[in-house]
């Protein structure tokens, strides 16, 4: 086994990616890595700024309007 204390963070990351790719294949490795991607910003704040705090009735109205627009569009 490799002494990870002697490896740089970049080397550990590379070995991890290689191990995941070997076991899961490239697509499986990518799906696994997506679970741990760190986003930026404040999702809750951004969501609230974009969506506000609509009522259920407002959401239903918006859905109906979009469906009508799509049918007529």
Protein backbone atom coordinates (compact mmCIF):
# COMPACT_ATOMS: atom_id res chain seq x y z
CA UNK A 1 0.00 0.00 0.00
CA UNK A 2 1.15 3.53 -0.77
CA UNK A 3 2.20 5.79 2.09
CA UNK A 4 -0.22 8.63 1.43
CA UNK A 5 1.56 10.85 3.94
CA UNK A 6 4.34 11.26 1.37
CA UNK A 7 2.02 12.25 -1.50
CA UNK A 8 0.83 15.68 -2.51
CA UNK A 9 -2.88 16.45 -2.67
CA UNK A 10 -2.64 16.40 -6.47
CA UNK A 11 -1.06 12.94 -6.41
CA UNK A 12 -3.73 11.60 -4.05
CA UNK A 13 -6.46 13.04 -6.26
CA UNK A 14 -4.91 11.48 -9.38
CA UNK A 15 -4.59 8.06 -7.75
CA UNK A 16 -8.18 8.29 -6.54
CA UNK A 17 -9.47 9.15 -9.99
CA UNK A 18 -7.49 6.27 -11.48
CA UNK A 19 -8.89 3.83 -8.90
CA UNK A 20 -12.46 5.01 -9.46
CA UNK A 21 -12.06 4.80 -13.23
CA UNK A 22 -10.66 1.29 -12.97
CA UNK A 23 -13.54 0.07 -10.82
CA UNK A 24 -16.46 2.12 -12.16
CA UNK A 25 -15.38 2.98 -15.69
CA UNK A 26 -15.12 6.57 -16.94
CA UNK A 27 -18.86 7.30 -16.78
CA UNK A 28 -19.20 5.82 -13.30
CA UNK A 29 -16.21 7.79 -12.08
CA UNK A 30 -17.71 11.00 -13.45
CA UNK A 31 -21.06 10.31 -11.80
CA UNK A 32 -19.33 9.61 -8.49
CA UNK A 33 -17.27 12.79 -8.69
CA UNK A 34 -20.37 14.89 -9.44
CA UNK A 35 -21.71 13.99 -6.02
CA UNK A 36 -18.84 15.85 -4.38
CA UNK A 37 -18.43 18.91 -6.57
CA UNK A 38 -18.45 22.02 -4.46
CA UNK A 39 -20.64 24.73 -5.84
CA UNK A 40 -20.19 28.38 -5.18
CA UNK A 41 -22.50 30.96 -3.76
CA UNK A 42 -25.47 30.58 -1.47
CA UNK A 43 -28.07 28.35 -3.10
CA UNK A 44 -30.83 29.19 -0.62
CA UNK A 45 -30.36 32.93 -0.95
CA UNK A 46 -30.09 32.74 -4.74
CA UNK A 47 -33.18 30.52 -5.00
CA UNK A 48 -35.18 32.89 -2.83
CA UNK A 49 -34.09 35.86 -4.94
CA UNK A 50 -35.08 34.09 -8.16
CA UNK A 51 -38.28 32.42 -7.03
CA UNK A 52 -39.45 34.53 -4.13
CA UNK A 53 -42.00 32.83 -1.90
CA UNK A 54 -44.89 31.90 -4.21
CA UNK A 55 -48.06 30.32 -2.92
CA UNK A 56 -49.28 27.00 -4.27
CA UNK A 57 -52.03 28.86 -6.13
CA UNK A 58 -49.44 31.12 -7.80
CA UNK A 59 -47.36 28.13 -8.85
CA UNK A 60 -50.42 26.41 -10.34
CA UNK A 61 -51.33 29.59 -12.24
CA UNK A 62 -47.79 29.83 -13.64
CA UNK A 63 -47.89 26.19 -14.77
CA UNK A 64 -51.22 26.68 -16.50
CA UNK A 65 -49.97 29.83 -18.24
CA UNK A 66 -46.86 28.07 -19.50
CA UNK A 67 -48.90 25.14 -20.77
CA UNK A 68 -51.28 27.50 -22.60
CA UNK A 69 -48.34 29.39 -24.08
CA UNK A 70 -46.73 26.14 -25.21
CA UNK A 71 -49.95 24.92 -26.83
CA UNK A 72 -50.46 28.24 -28.67
CA UNK A 73 -46.83 28.83 -29.41
